[in-house]
Amino acid sequence: MAKIATDRTTIDLFAADKRPGRPKTNPLPREEQLKLNKRNQIKRDRNNGLKRIEFKVSGQLYEALGQAAIKANTTRNDLIEQLLEQALSR
């Protein structure tokens, strides 16, 4: 049986052919990659002596913190850490 290069209905004939496009670099699905990356980030932070704190704030406060961080030329995380340290040192 002859094989026609444009016929893609018989996949077994084309299993060894390279497909154009970006190669698959990670065998895990994207959802699993995100979970693994987050787990590794938490481990790195823990090894660096950092602890996670999560809290909810209003949208206005969030925007104000973002603007203050831009003015201070720092990240929002660093700004919040500085503010907490100032409040505890009083």
Protein backbone atom coordinates (compact mmCIF):
# COMPACT_ATOMS: atom_id res chain seq x y z
CA MET A 1 0.00 0.00 0.00
CA ALA A 2 1.38 3.39 -0.95
CA LYS A 3 1.46 6.13 1.62
CA ILE A 4 0.43 9.66 0.71
CA ALA A 5 2.15 12.38 2.74
CA THR A 6 -1.01 14.49 3.06
CA ASP A 7 -3.18 11.59 4.31
CA ARG A 8 -3.34 11.73 8.10
CA THR A 9 -6.20 9.29 8.64
CA THR A 10 -3.95 6.27 9.05
CA ILE A 11 -1.88 7.39 12.01
CA ASP A 12 0.12 4.16 12.30
CA LEU A 13 1.84 4.93 8.99
CA PHE A 14 2.95 8.33 10.28
CA ALA A 15 3.92 7.46 13.87
CA ALA A 16 7.61 8.11 13.22
CA ASP A 17 7.06 11.36 11.29
CA LYS A 18 7.93 14.58 13.09
CA ARG A 19 5.05 17.03 13.42
CA PRO A 20 5.67 20.76 13.05
CA GLY A 21 5.17 22.94 16.07
CA ARG A 22 6.47 23.33 19.57
CA PRO A 23 7.74 20.07 21.05
CA LYS A 24 6.19 18.73 24.22
CA THR A 25 8.82 19.37 26.88
CA ASN A 26 7.01 18.13 29.96
CA PRO A 27 5.10 14.84 30.14
CA LEU A 28 2.75 16.13 32.86
CA PRO A 29 -0.49 17.99 32.08
CA ARG A 30 -0.47 21.73 32.82
CA GLU A 31 -2.55 21.36 36.00
CA GLU A 32 -0.06 18.89 37.48
CA GLN A 33 2.86 21.12 36.42
CA LEU A 34 1.36 24.05 38.33
CA LYS A 35 0.84 21.95 41.47
CA LEU A 36 4.41 20.64 41.30
CA ASN A 37 5.87 24.10 40.72
CA LYS A 38 3.90 25.54 43.66
CA ARG A 39 5.05 22.67 45.91
CA ASN A 40 8.67 23.28 44.88
CA GLN A 41 8.31 27.04 45.48
CA ILE A 42 6.98 26.42 49.00
CA LYS A 43 9.88 24.05 49.71
CA ARG A 44 12.41 26.66 48.46
CA ASP A 45 10.80 29.34 50.62
CA ARG A 46 10.81 27.03 53.65
CA ASN A 47 14.50 26.24 53.10
CA ASN A 48 15.20 29.99 52.97
CA GLY A 49 13.45 30.46 56.33
CA LEU A 50 10.29 32.04 54.90
CA LYS A 51 6.76 31.28 56.07
CA ARG A 52 3.52 31.85 54.18
CA ILE A 53 0.82 34.19 55.45
CA GLU A 54 -2.43 34.56 53.56
CA PHE A 55 -5.10 37.14 54.28
CA LYS A 56 -7.91 38.86 52.44
CA VAL A 57 -8.12 42.62 51.96
CA SER A 58 -10.53 44.89 50.15
CA GLY A 59 -9.91 45.82 46.55
CA GLN A 60 -9.21 49.44 47.53
CA LEU A 61 -6.53 48.44 50.03
CA TYR A 62 -5.01 46.05 47.49
CA GLU A 63 -4.75 48.84 44.91
CA ALA A 64 -3.37 51.27 47.50
CA LEU A 65 -0.68 48.76 48.47
CA GLY A 66 0.17 48.28 44.81
CA GLN A 67 0.51 52.01 44.23
CA ALA A 68 2.59 52.48 47.40
CA ALA A 69 4.88 49.64 46.30
CA ILE A 70 5.38 51.28 42.89
CA LYS A 71 6.21 54.61 44.55
CA ALA A 72 8.67 52.88 46.90
CA ASN A 73 10.17 51.02 43.93
CA THR A 74 9.66 47.65 45.62
CA THR A 75 7.30 44.70 45.45
CA ARG A 76 3.97 44.59 47.24
CA ASN A 77 5.24 41.65 49.29
CA ASP A 78 8.31 43.56 50.48
CA LEU A 79 6.20 46.62 51.28
CA ILE A 80 3.77 44.60 53.39
CA GLU A 81 6.69 42.96 55.20
CA GLN A 82 8.22 46.39 55.96
CA LEU A 83 4.88 47.71 57.22
CA LEU A 84 4.42 44.70 59.50
CA GLU A 85 7.94 45.05 60.88
CA GLN A 86 7.34 48.77 61.59
CA ALA A 87 4.06 48.00 63.34
CA LEU A 88 5.67 45.33 65.53
CA SER A 89 8.67 47.48 66.45
CA ARG A 90 6.45 50.17 68.01
